[in-house]
Amino acid sequence: MARAGKRQEVLAGALTVFARDGYARASIDVIAAEACVSSRTLYNHFGDKAGLFRAVIQESATRVAAAQLEIIEQHLGHVTDLEANLVAFGIHWRTPMPDYAEHSALVRQVNAEAGHIPQEAVDAWQEAGPLAVRRALAERLAAFAADGLLRIDDPMRAALHFSLLVSGANPSYRGGPVTPDDITEAVTTGVHTFLHGYAH
């Protein structure tokens, strides 16, 4: 499994199984069959199921974060109307991305199995995904503060507040269907509340 392409195929197969079955129920044999490699190959390259899971969630989170960083740049790279730009960003950010549906399913599995997931894997996921995105958002909010548009003492905390305020209709964490109107309403209300606390 020396080729980078083969490694990606293995990680993709493992992502499918972990997203469907969760961490505890997924077996190396099933993952090997999905990835069209031997169980021995998986053990040789990833050590054990925990090592494989960490590699899977870290790689998947990195790809999702890259897409979300593009959304930040698209909507917040050049701001003409802060509230309107934040709303547009929030809607885009919270709208499901079909290309990453398996990652969303994997995150739901992690949340459901929180006590059974190796902490190293959770830390790797957070660092590669949510924290990377939060840092980028914090940088943009800090820039707005430097321009006199916001009052912010702690950009990372402000970024967390923003995320929480606009996530009321986040379809990744809700069981029922969420409509575009649900997302728009939640984001618009969240941005208004955020600016009430942070705007000059």
N, C-alpha and C. Protein backbone atom coordinates (compact mmCIF):
# COMPACT_ATOMS: atom_id res chain seq x y z
N MET A 1 0.84 -1.20 0.00
CA MET A 1 0.00 0.00 0.00
C MET A 1 0.87 1.25 0.00
N ALA A 2 1.94 1.22 -0.80
CA ALA A 2 2.88 2.33 -0.80
C ALA A 2 2.32 3.53 -1.56
N ARG A 3 1.53 3.26 -2.59
CA ARG A 3 1.02 4.37 -3.41
C ARG A 3 0.07 5.25 -2.62
N ALA A 4 0.22 6.59 -2.80
CA ALA A 4 -0.66 7.53 -2.12
C ALA A 4 -2.11 7.30 -2.54
N GLY A 5 -2.31 6.96 -3.81
CA GLY A 5 -3.66 6.71 -4.30
C GLY A 5 -4.32 5.54 -3.59
N LYS A 6 -3.54 4.49 -3.34
CA LYS A 6 -4.08 3.31 -2.65
C LYS A 6 -4.43 3.66 -1.21
N ARG A 7 -3.58 4.47 -0.57
CA ARG A 7 -3.87 4.90 0.80
C ARG A 7 -5.20 5.66 0.84
N GLN A 8 -5.43 6.52 -0.15
CA GLN A 8 -6.68 7.28 -0.19
C GLN A 8 -7.88 6.35 -0.38
N GLU A 9 -7.69 5.31 -1.18
CA GLU A 9 -8.77 4.34 -1.38
C GLU A 9 -9.09 3.63 -0.07
N VAL A 10 -8.06 3.28 0.68
CA VAL A 10 -8.26 2.61 1.97
C VAL A 10 -8.98 3.54 2.94
N LEU A 11 -8.53 4.79 3.02
CA LEU A 11 -9.17 5.74 3.92
C LEU A 11 -10.62 6.00 3.52
N ALA A 12 -10.88 6.03 2.21
CA ALA A 12 -12.25 6.24 1.74
C ALA A 12 -13.14 5.05 2.11
N GLY A 13 -12.61 3.85 1.94
CA GLY A 13 -13.38 2.67 2.32
C GLY A 13 -13.65 2.62 3.80
N ALA A 14 -12.63 2.96 4.60
CA ALA A 14 -12.79 2.97 6.05
C ALA A 14 -13.78 4.03 6.48
N LEU A 15 -13.75 5.20 5.82
CA LEU A 15 -14.71 6.26 6.14
C LEU A 15 -16.13 5.78 5.92
N THR A 16 -16.36 5.08 4.82
CA THR A 16 -17.70 4.55 4.54
C THR A 16 -18.18 3.64 5.66
N VAL A 17 -17.30 2.75 6.11
CA VAL A 17 -17.70 1.79 7.15
C VAL A 17 -17.88 2.48 8.50
N PHE A 18 -16.95 3.34 8.89
CA PHE A 18 -17.06 4.03 10.18
C PHE A 18 -18.29 4.94 10.20
N ALA A 19 -18.57 5.61 9.09
CA ALA A 19 -19.73 6.50 9.03
C ALA A 19 -21.03 5.72 9.12
N ARG A 20 -21.04 4.51 8.59
CA ARG A 20 -22.24 3.67 8.60
C ARG A 20 -22.41 2.91 9.90
N ASP A 21 -21.32 2.32 10.41
CA ASP A 21 -21.41 1.40 11.55
C ASP A 21 -20.96 2.00 12.88
N GLY A 22 -20.27 3.15 12.83
CA GLY A 22 -19.71 3.70 14.05
C GLY A 22 -18.38 3.05 14.37
N TYR A 23 -17.72 3.56 15.39
CA TYR A 23 -16.39 3.05 15.74
C TYR A 23 -16.45 1.67 16.39
N ALA A 24 -17.30 1.52 17.38
CA ALA A 24 -17.32 0.27 18.15
C ALA A 24 -17.75 -0.92 17.30
N ARG A 25 -18.73 -0.72 16.42
CA ARG A 25 -19.27 -1.84 15.64
C ARG A 25 -18.47 -2.16 14.38
N ALA A 26 -17.69 -1.20 13.91
CA ALA A 26 -16.91 -1.43 12.69
C ALA A 26 -15.81 -2.46 12.95
N SER A 27 -15.63 -3.36 12.02
CA SER A 27 -14.57 -4.37 12.16
C SER A 27 -13.51 -4.18 11.08
N ILE A 28 -12.30 -4.53 11.43
CA ILE A 28 -11.19 -4.43 10.48
C ILE A 28 -11.47 -5.29 9.24
N ASP A 29 -12.07 -6.46 9.43
CA ASP A 29 -12.35 -7.34 8.29
C ASP A 29 -13.32 -6.68 7.31
N VAL A 30 -14.35 -6.05 7.84
CA VAL A 30 -15.33 -5.38 6.97
C VAL A 30 -14.67 -4.21 6.26
N ILE A 31 -13.85 -3.45 6.99
CA ILE A 31 -13.17 -2.31 6.39
C ILE A 31 -12.22 -2.78 5.29
N ALA A 32 -11.49 -3.87 5.55
CA ALA A 32 -10.58 -4.41 4.55
C ALA A 32 -11.32 -4.82 3.29
N ALA A 33 -12.48 -5.45 3.47
CA ALA A 33 -13.27 -5.86 2.32
C ALA A 33 -13.76 -4.64 1.53
N GLU A 34 -14.20 -3.61 2.24
CA GLU A 34 -14.68 -2.38 1.60
C GLU A 34 -13.56 -1.71 0.81
N ALA A 35 -12.34 -1.76 1.37
CA ALA A 35 -11.20 -1.09 0.75
C ALA A 35 -10.44 -1.99 -0.24
N CYS A 36 -10.87 -3.26 -0.33
CA CYS A 36 -10.24 -4.22 -1.25
C CYS A 36 -8.77 -4.44 -0.92
N VAL A 37 -8.47 -4.57 0.38
CA VAL A 37 -7.13 -4.93 0.82
C VAL A 37 -7.27 -6.00 1.89
N SER A 38 -6.15 -6.56 2.32
CA SER A 38 -6.20 -7.57 3.37
C SER A 38 -6.20 -6.91 4.75
N SER A 39 -6.73 -7.64 5.72
CA SER A 39 -6.70 -7.14 7.09
C SER A 39 -5.26 -6.91 7.55
N ARG A 40 -4.37 -7.81 7.13
CA ARG A 40 -2.96 -7.68 7.50
C ARG A 40 -2.40 -6.34 7.00
N THR A 41 -2.79 -5.94 5.80
CA THR A 41 -2.31 -4.68 5.24
C THR A 41 -2.73 -3.51 6.12
N LEU A 42 -3.98 -3.54 6.58
CA LEU A 42 -4.46 -2.45 7.45
C LEU A 42 -3.67 -2.40 8.75
N TYR A 43 -3.46 -3.57 9.34
CA TYR A 43 -2.70 -3.60 10.60
C TYR A 43 -1.26 -3.13 10.39
N ASN A 44 -0.66 -3.53 9.27
CA ASN A 44 0.73 -3.15 8.99
C ASN A 44 0.89 -1.64 8.85
N HIS A 45 -0.11 -0.99 8.25
CA HIS A 45 0.02 0.43 7.94
C HIS A 45 -0.59 1.36 8.99
N PHE A 46 -1.56 0.86 9.76
CA PHE A 46 -2.23 1.74 10.71
C PHE A 46 -2.14 1.24 12.16
N GLY A 47 -1.57 0.08 12.36
CA GLY A 47 -1.37 -0.44 13.71
C GLY A 47 -2.56 -1.18 14.27
N ASP A 48 -3.68 -0.51 14.39
CA ASP A 48 -4.89 -1.13 14.92
C ASP A 48 -6.09 -0.29 14.48
N LYS A 49 -7.26 -0.67 14.94
CA LYS A 49 -8.47 0.05 14.52
C LYS A 49 -8.44 1.49 14.98
N ALA A 50 -7.92 1.74 16.17
CA ALA A 50 -7.84 3.10 16.68
C ALA A 50 -6.96 3.97 15.80
N GLY A 51 -5.83 3.41 15.36
CA GLY A 51 -4.93 4.16 14.49
C GLY A 51 -5.56 4.46 13.14
N LEU A 52 -6.29 3.49 12.61
CA LEU A 52 -6.98 3.68 11.34
C LEU A 52 -8.07 4.73 11.48
N PHE A 53 -8.83 4.66 12.59
CA PHE A 53 -9.91 5.63 12.78
C PHE A 53 -9.36 7.04 12.88
N ARG A 54 -8.25 7.17 13.60
CA ARG A 54 -7.64 8.50 13.72
C ARG A 54 -7.24 9.04 12.36
N ALA A 55 -6.60 8.19 11.54
CA ALA A 55 -6.18 8.62 10.20
C ALA A 55 -7.39 9.02 9.36
N VAL A 56 -8.47 8.25 9.48
CA VAL A 56 -9.68 8.51 8.69
C VAL A 56 -10.31 9.84 9.07
N ILE A 57 -10.54 10.04 10.37
CA ILE A 57 -11.26 11.25 10.78
C ILE A 57 -10.39 12.49 10.59
N GLN A 58 -9.07 12.34 10.75
CA GLN A 58 -8.18 13.48 10.55
C GLN A 58 -8.15 13.90 9.08
N GLU A 59 -8.04 12.92 8.20
CA GLU A 59 -8.00 13.22 6.77
C GLU A 59 -9.33 13.79 6.29
N SER A 60 -10.43 13.21 6.75
CA SER A 60 -11.75 13.69 6.36
C SER A 60 -11.99 15.10 6.87
N ALA A 61 -11.62 15.35 8.13
CA ALA A 61 -11.81 16.68 8.71
C ALA A 61 -10.96 17.72 8.00
N THR A 62 -9.78 17.34 7.56
CA THR A 62 -8.90 18.27 6.85
C THR A 62 -9.54 18.70 5.53
N ARG A 63 -10.15 17.75 4.82
CA ARG A 63 -10.81 18.08 3.55
C ARG A 63 -12.02 18.99 3.77
N VAL A 64 -12.81 18.69 4.79
CA VAL A 64 -13.98 19.51 5.08
C VAL A 64 -13.55 20.92 5.51
N ALA A 65 -12.52 20.99 6.34
CA ALA A 65 -12.03 22.29 6.79
C ALA A 65 -11.56 23.14 5.61
N ALA A 66 -10.89 22.51 4.64
CA ALA A 66 -10.42 23.24 3.47
C ALA A 66 -11.59 23.87 2.72
N ALA A 67 -12.68 23.13 2.59
CA ALA A 67 -13.87 23.65 1.92
C ALA A 67 -14.48 24.80 2.72
N GLN A 68 -14.47 24.67 4.05
CA GLN A 68 -15.04 25.72 4.88
C GLN A 68 -14.16 26.97 4.91
N LEU A 69 -12.86 26.79 4.82
CA LEU A 69 -11.96 27.94 4.74
C LEU A 69 -12.20 28.73 3.46
N GLU A 70 -12.54 28.04 2.39
CA GLU A 70 -12.88 28.72 1.14
C GLU A 70 -14.16 29.54 1.31
N ILE A 71 -15.11 29.02 2.09
CA ILE A 71 -16.35 29.75 2.34
C ILE A 71 -16.06 31.02 3.14
N ILE A 72 -15.18 30.92 4.13
CA ILE A 72 -14.80 32.10 4.91
C ILE A 72 -14.19 33.15 4.00
N GLU A 73 -13.27 32.74 3.14
CA GLU A 73 -12.62 33.68 2.24
C GLU A 73 -13.62 34.29 1.26
N GLN A 74 -14.54 33.48 0.77
CA GLN A 74 -15.52 33.95 -0.21
C GLN A 74 -16.39 35.06 0.36
N HIS A 75 -16.86 34.88 1.59
CA HIS A 75 -17.83 35.82 2.15
C HIS A 75 -17.22 36.88 3.07
N LEU A 76 -16.07 36.58 3.66
CA LEU A 76 -15.50 37.50 4.65
C LEU A 76 -14.14 38.05 4.24
N GLY A 77 -13.68 37.66 3.07
CA GLY A 77 -12.39 38.17 2.60
C GLY A 77 -12.44 39.66 2.30
N HIS A 78 -13.56 40.10 1.77
CA HIS A 78 -13.76 41.53 1.47
C HIS A 78 -15.20 41.87 1.86
N VAL A 79 -15.35 42.68 2.90
CA VAL A 79 -16.67 42.96 3.46
C VAL A 79 -17.13 44.37 3.10
N THR A 80 -18.35 44.45 2.59
CA THR A 80 -18.94 45.76 2.28
C THR A 80 -20.06 46.10 3.26
N ASP A 81 -20.75 45.09 3.74
CA ASP A 81 -21.82 45.26 4.73
C ASP A 81 -21.65 44.12 5.73
N LEU A 82 -21.13 44.43 6.92
CA LEU A 82 -20.73 43.39 7.86
C LEU A 82 -21.86 42.42 8.17
N GLU A 83 -23.03 42.93 8.51
CA GLU A 83 -24.13 42.04 8.88
C GLU A 83 -24.54 41.17 7.69
N ALA A 84 -24.67 41.77 6.53
CA ALA A 84 -25.08 41.02 5.34
C ALA A 84 -24.03 39.96 4.99
N ASN A 85 -22.77 40.32 5.09
CA ASN A 85 -21.70 39.36 4.78
C ASN A 85 -21.68 38.22 5.79
N LEU A 86 -21.88 38.53 7.07
CA LEU A 86 -21.90 37.48 8.09
C LEU A 86 -23.09 36.55 7.90
N VAL A 87 -24.23 37.11 7.52
CA VAL A 87 -25.41 36.26 7.27
C VAL A 87 -25.16 35.36 6.07
N ALA A 88 -24.64 35.92 4.98
CA ALA A 88 -24.36 35.12 3.78
C ALA A 88 -23.36 34.01 4.10
N PHE A 89 -22.32 34.37 4.87
CA PHE A 89 -21.34 33.37 5.28
C PHE A 89 -21.99 32.28 6.12
N GLY A 90 -22.76 32.69 7.12
CA GLY A 90 -23.39 31.72 8.02
C GLY A 90 -24.32 30.75 7.29
N ILE A 91 -25.09 31.27 6.36
CA ILE A 91 -26.01 30.41 5.59
C ILE A 91 -25.22 29.40 4.77
N HIS A 92 -24.19 29.89 4.08
CA HIS A 92 -23.36 28.99 3.26
C HIS A 92 -22.67 27.95 4.15
N TRP A 93 -22.14 28.39 5.28
CA TRP A 93 -21.41 27.54 6.21
C TRP A 93 -22.30 26.45 6.79
N ARG A 94 -23.54 26.79 7.10
CA ARG A 94 -24.44 25.84 7.75
C ARG A 94 -25.30 25.04 6.78
N THR A 95 -25.19 25.31 5.49
CA THR A 95 -25.93 24.53 4.51
C THR A 95 -25.17 23.22 4.25
N PRO A 96 -25.88 22.09 4.28
CA PRO A 96 -25.19 20.80 4.09
C PRO A 96 -24.42 20.76 2.77
N MET A 97 -23.25 20.13 2.82
CA MET A 97 -22.43 19.94 1.62
C MET A 97 -22.51 18.47 1.22
N PRO A 98 -23.23 18.16 0.15
CA PRO A 98 -23.42 16.76 -0.25
C PRO A 98 -22.12 15.99 -0.42
N ASP A 99 -21.07 16.67 -0.86
CA ASP A 99 -19.79 15.98 -1.08
C ASP A 99 -19.18 15.45 0.21
N TYR A 100 -19.65 15.97 1.35
CA TYR A 100 -19.07 15.57 2.64
C TYR A 100 -20.12 14.93 3.56
N ALA A 101 -21.12 14.31 2.94
CA ALA A 101 -22.19 13.68 3.72
C ALA A 101 -21.64 12.58 4.63
N GLU A 102 -20.66 11.83 4.14
CA GLU A 102 -20.10 10.75 4.97
C GLU A 102 -19.38 11.32 6.19
N HIS A 103 -18.73 12.46 6.02
CA HIS A 103 -18.07 13.07 7.17
C HIS A 103 -19.10 13.50 8.22
N SER A 104 -20.20 14.08 7.76
CA SER A 104 -21.26 14.48 8.69
C SER A 104 -21.81 13.26 9.43
N ALA A 105 -21.96 12.15 8.71
CA ALA A 105 -22.43 10.91 9.35
C ALA A 105 -21.40 10.42 10.36
N LEU A 106 -20.12 10.54 10.02
CA LEU A 106 -19.06 10.12 10.93
C LEU A 106 -19.08 10.96 12.21
N VAL A 107 -19.28 12.27 12.06
CA VAL A 107 -19.35 13.15 13.23
C VAL A 107 -20.53 12.77 14.12
N ARG A 108 -21.66 12.43 13.50
CA ARG A 108 -22.82 11.99 14.30
C ARG A 108 -22.48 10.71 15.07
N GLN A 109 -21.73 9.82 14.44
CA GLN A 109 -21.31 8.59 15.13
C GLN A 109 -20.39 8.92 16.30
N VAL A 110 -19.49 9.85 16.10
CA VAL A 110 -18.57 10.25 17.17
C VAL A 110 -19.35 10.82 18.35
N ASN A 111 -20.32 11.67 18.05
CA ASN A 111 -21.13 12.25 19.11
C ASN A 111 -21.91 11.18 19.86
N ALA A 112 -22.40 10.19 19.13
CA ALA A 112 -23.20 9.13 19.75
C ALA A 112 -22.35 8.18 20.58
N GLU A 113 -21.08 8.04 20.19
CA GLU A 113 -20.19 7.09 20.87
C GLU A 113 -19.08 7.79 21.64
N ALA A 114 -19.35 8.98 22.12
CA ALA A 114 -18.30 9.82 22.70
C ALA A 114 -17.42 9.09 23.72
N GLY A 115 -18.03 8.24 24.53
CA GLY A 115 -17.27 7.56 25.57
C GLY A 115 -16.43 6.40 25.07
N HIS A 116 -16.60 6.01 23.81
CA HIS A 116 -15.90 4.85 23.27
C HIS A 116 -14.86 5.20 22.21
N ILE A 117 -14.82 6.47 21.82
CA ILE A 117 -13.87 6.90 20.79
C ILE A 117 -12.53 7.24 21.45
N PRO A 118 -11.42 6.74 20.93
CA PRO A 118 -10.11 7.09 21.50
C PRO A 118 -9.91 8.61 21.53
N GLN A 119 -9.47 9.13 22.67
CA GLN A 119 -9.33 10.58 22.81
C GLN A 119 -8.35 11.16 21.80
N GLU A 120 -7.31 10.40 21.45
CA GLU A 120 -6.34 10.89 20.45
C GLU A 120 -7.02 11.16 19.11
N ALA A 121 -7.98 10.32 18.77
CA ALA A 121 -8.70 10.50 17.51
C ALA A 121 -9.58 11.74 17.58
N VAL A 122 -10.24 11.93 18.71
CA VAL A 122 -11.09 13.12 18.89
C VAL A 122 -10.23 14.38 18.81
N ASP A 123 -9.08 14.37 19.47
CA ASP A 123 -8.19 15.53 19.46
C ASP A 123 -7.69 15.81 18.04
N ALA A 124 -7.34 14.76 17.30
CA ALA A 124 -6.86 14.93 15.93
C ALA A 124 -7.94 15.53 15.04
N TRP A 125 -9.17 15.05 15.21
CA TRP A 125 -10.32 15.57 14.45
C TRP A 125 -10.54 17.05 14.76
N GLN A 126 -10.55 17.39 16.04
CA GLN A 126 -10.80 18.78 16.43
C GLN A 126 -9.71 19.70 15.88
N GLU A 127 -8.47 19.27 15.96
CA GLU A 127 -7.36 20.11 15.52
C GLU A 127 -7.38 20.30 14.01
N ALA A 128 -7.66 19.24 13.28
CA ALA A 128 -7.64 19.32 11.81
C ALA A 128 -8.88 19.99 11.25
N GLY A 129 -10.01 19.88 11.96
CA GLY A 129 -11.27 20.39 11.44
C GLY A 129 -11.80 21.61 12.16
N PRO A 130 -12.64 21.41 13.17
CA PRO A 130 -13.32 22.54 13.82
C PRO A 130 -12.38 23.63 14.34
N LEU A 131 -11.27 23.26 14.96
CA LEU A 131 -10.37 24.29 15.50
C LEU A 131 -9.66 25.07 14.40
N ALA A 132 -9.32 24.39 13.32
CA ALA A 132 -8.68 25.08 12.19
C ALA A 132 -9.63 26.12 11.60
N VAL A 133 -10.90 25.75 11.48
CA VAL A 133 -11.89 26.67 10.93
C VAL A 133 -12.14 27.81 11.92
N ARG A 134 -12.21 27.48 13.21
CA ARG A 134 -12.46 28.52 14.21
C ARG A 134 -11.32 29.53 14.24
N ARG A 135 -10.07 29.05 14.08
CA ARG A 135 -8.93 29.97 14.07
C ARG A 135 -9.02 30.92 12.87
N ALA A 136 -9.40 30.39 11.72
CA ALA A 136 -9.52 31.23 10.52
C ALA A 136 -10.63 32.26 10.71
N LEU A 137 -11.74 31.84 11.28
CA LEU A 137 -12.84 32.77 11.53
C LEU A 137 -12.41 33.82 12.55
N ALA A 138 -11.68 33.39 13.57
CA ALA A 138 -11.19 34.33 14.59
C ALA A 138 -10.29 35.38 13.97
N GLU A 139 -9.47 34.98 13.01
CA GLU A 139 -8.59 35.93 12.34
C GLU A 139 -9.40 37.00 11.59
N ARG A 140 -10.47 36.56 10.94
CA ARG A 140 -11.31 37.52 10.22
C ARG A 140 -12.01 38.45 11.20
N LEU A 141 -12.52 37.91 12.30
CA LEU A 141 -13.21 38.75 13.29
C LEU A 141 -12.22 39.75 13.91
N ALA A 142 -11.01 39.31 14.17
CA ALA A 142 -9.99 40.20 14.71
C ALA A 142 -9.68 41.34 13.72
N ALA A 143 -9.67 41.02 12.44
CA ALA A 143 -9.43 42.04 11.42
C ALA A 143 -10.57 43.05 11.40
N PHE A 144 -11.80 42.57 11.56
CA PHE A 144 -12.94 43.48 11.62
C PHE A 144 -12.83 44.39 12.85
N ALA A 145 -12.37 43.82 13.95
CA ALA A 145 -12.19 44.62 15.17
C ALA A 145 -11.11 45.69 14.94
N ALA A 146 -10.04 45.31 14.25
CA ALA A 146 -8.96 46.25 13.97
C ALA A 146 -9.45 47.40 13.08
N ASP A 147 -10.45 47.10 12.25
CA ASP A 147 -11.03 48.12 11.37
C ASP A 147 -12.11 48.94 12.08
N GLY A 148 -12.36 48.62 13.35
CA GLY A 148 -13.35 49.37 14.11
C GLY A 148 -14.78 48.91 13.94
N LEU A 149 -14.96 47.75 13.33
CA LEU A 149 -16.32 47.25 13.08
C LEU A 149 -16.87 46.44 14.26
N LEU A 150 -15.99 45.85 15.06
CA LEU A 150 -16.39 45.02 16.18
C LEU A 150 -15.56 45.38 17.41
N ARG A 151 -16.09 44.99 18.58
CA ARG A 151 -15.34 45.11 19.83
C ARG A 151 -15.05 43.69 20.31
N ILE A 152 -13.80 43.27 20.21
CA ILE A 152 -13.45 41.89 20.53
C ILE A 152 -12.17 41.86 21.37
N ASP A 153 -12.25 41.23 22.53
CA ASP A 153 -11.06 41.03 23.36
C ASP A 153 -10.40 39.68 23.08
N ASP A 154 -11.23 38.68 22.80
CA ASP A 154 -10.74 37.32 22.58
C ASP A 154 -11.34 36.79 21.28
N PRO A 155 -10.62 36.87 20.16
CA PRO A 155 -11.16 36.46 18.86
C PRO A 155 -11.61 35.00 18.81
N MET A 156 -10.86 34.09 19.46
CA MET A 156 -11.26 32.68 19.45
C MET A 156 -12.59 32.49 20.18
N ARG A 157 -12.77 33.18 21.28
CA ARG A 157 -14.03 33.07 22.01
C ARG A 157 -15.17 33.67 21.18
N ALA A 158 -14.89 34.79 20.52
CA ALA A 158 -15.91 35.41 19.67
C ALA A 158 -16.29 34.47 18.52
N ALA A 159 -15.30 33.79 17.95
CA ALA A 159 -15.58 32.84 16.87
C ALA A 159 -16.44 31.69 17.37
N LEU A 160 -16.17 31.22 18.58
CA LEU A 160 -16.99 30.16 19.16
C LEU A 160 -18.41 30.65 19.39
N HIS A 161 -18.56 31.86 19.91
CA HIS A 161 -19.90 32.42 20.12
C HIS A 161 -20.66 32.51 18.80
N PHE A 162 -19.97 33.00 17.76
CA PHE A 162 -20.62 33.10 16.45
C PHE A 162 -21.09 31.73 15.98
N SER A 163 -20.21 30.75 16.08
CA SER A 163 -20.55 29.39 15.63
C SER A 163 -21.78 28.85 16.37
N LEU A 164 -21.80 29.03 17.67
CA LEU A 164 -22.92 28.51 18.46
C LEU A 164 -24.21 29.25 18.12
N LEU A 165 -24.13 30.55 17.91
CA LEU A 165 -25.32 31.34 17.65
C LEU A 165 -25.96 31.03 16.30
N VAL A 166 -25.16 30.65 15.31
CA VAL A 166 -25.72 30.38 13.98
C VAL A 166 -25.97 28.90 13.73
N SER A 167 -25.73 28.06 14.74
CA SER A 167 -25.85 26.62 14.52
C SER A 167 -27.18 26.05 14.97
N GLY A 168 -28.15 26.90 15.25
CA GLY A 168 -29.43 26.41 15.75
C GLY A 168 -30.14 25.46 14.81
N ALA A 169 -29.90 25.61 13.52
CA ALA A 169 -30.55 24.72 12.55
C ALA A 169 -29.53 23.88 11.80
N ASN A 170 -28.40 23.61 12.44
CA ASN A 170 -27.36 22.83 11.78
C ASN A 170 -27.86 21.42 11.49
N PRO A 171 -28.06 21.07 10.21
CA PRO A 171 -28.63 19.76 9.87
C PRO A 171 -27.72 18.58 10.22
N SER A 172 -26.43 18.84 10.45
CA SER A 172 -25.54 17.74 10.78
C SER A 172 -25.84 17.15 12.15
N TYR A 173 -26.49 17.91 12.99
CA TYR A 173 -26.68 17.46 14.37
C TYR A 173 -28.16 17.32 14.73
N ARG A 174 -29.05 17.45 13.75
CA ARG A 174 -30.47 17.32 14.02
C ARG A 174 -31.02 16.11 13.31
N GLY A 175 -31.99 15.49 13.93
CA GLY A 175 -32.54 14.28 13.34
C GLY A 175 -33.45 14.52 12.16
N GLY A 176 -34.31 15.53 12.26
CA GLY A 176 -35.31 15.78 11.22
C GLY A 176 -34.77 16.62 10.09
N PRO A 177 -35.56 16.74 9.01
CA PRO A 177 -35.12 17.56 7.88
C PRO A 177 -35.09 19.04 8.24
N VAL A 178 -34.10 19.74 7.73
CA VAL A 178 -33.96 21.17 7.95
C VAL A 178 -34.06 21.86 6.60
N THR A 179 -34.93 22.83 6.49
CA THR A 179 -35.14 23.51 5.22
C THR A 179 -34.20 24.71 5.10
N PRO A 180 -34.00 25.20 3.88
CA PRO A 180 -33.21 26.42 3.71
C PRO A 180 -33.76 27.59 4.52
N ASP A 181 -35.09 27.67 4.64
CA ASP A 181 -35.69 28.74 5.44
C ASP A 181 -35.31 28.60 6.91
N ASP A 182 -35.25 27.35 7.41
CA ASP A 182 -34.82 27.12 8.80
C ASP A 182 -33.41 27.66 9.01
N ILE A 183 -32.54 27.34 8.06
CA ILE A 183 -31.14 27.77 8.17
C ILE A 183 -31.03 29.28 8.11
N THR A 184 -31.75 29.89 7.16
CA THR A 184 -31.72 31.35 7.02
C THR A 184 -32.20 32.04 8.28
N GLU A 185 -33.29 31.54 8.85
CA GLU A 185 -33.85 32.14 10.06
C GLU A 185 -32.87 32.02 11.22
N ALA A 186 -32.31 30.81 11.41
CA ALA A 186 -31.39 30.59 12.52
C ALA A 186 -30.14 31.45 12.37
N VAL A 187 -29.60 31.54 11.17
CA VAL A 187 -28.38 32.31 10.95
C VAL A 187 -28.64 33.80 11.11
N THR A 188 -29.73 34.28 10.52
CA THR A 188 -30.04 35.71 10.60
C THR A 188 -30.23 36.14 12.05
N THR A 189 -30.97 35.35 12.81
CA THR A 189 -31.17 35.65 14.23
C THR A 189 -29.86 35.57 15.00
N GLY A 190 -29.05 34.54 14.68
CA GLY A 190 -27.77 34.37 15.36
C GLY A 190 -26.82 35.52 15.09
N VAL A 191 -26.74 35.96 13.84
CA VAL A 191 -25.86 37.08 13.49
C VAL A 191 -26.31 38.36 14.19
N HIS A 192 -27.62 38.59 14.22
CA HIS A 192 -28.16 39.78 14.89
C HIS A 192 -27.77 39.78 16.36
N THR A 193 -27.90 38.63 17.00
CA THR A 193 -27.53 38.50 18.42
C THR A 193 -26.04 38.70 18.62
N PHE A 194 -25.24 38.11 17.72
CA PHE A 194 -23.79 38.25 17.78
C PHE A 194 -23.38 39.71 17.70
N LEU A 195 -23.96 40.43 16.74
CA LEU A 195 -23.60 41.84 16.57
C LEU A 195 -24.09 42.69 17.73
N HIS A 196 -25.18 42.29 18.35
CA HIS A 196 -25.67 43.02 19.52
C HIS A 196 -24.62 42.98 20.64
N GLY A 197 -23.91 41.89 20.73
CA GLY A 197 -22.89 41.75 21.76
C GLY A 197 -21.52 42.28 21.38
N TYR A 198 -21.21 42.26 20.06
CA TYR A 198 -19.84 42.57 19.64
C TYR A 198 -19.68 43.81 18.76
N ALA A 199 -20.76 44.32 18.21
CA ALA A 199 -20.62 45.46 17.30
C ALA A 199 -20.36 46.75 18.08
N HIS A 200 -19.67 47.67 17.43
CA HIS A 200 -19.43 48.99 18.04
C HIS A 200 -20.73 49.79 18.03
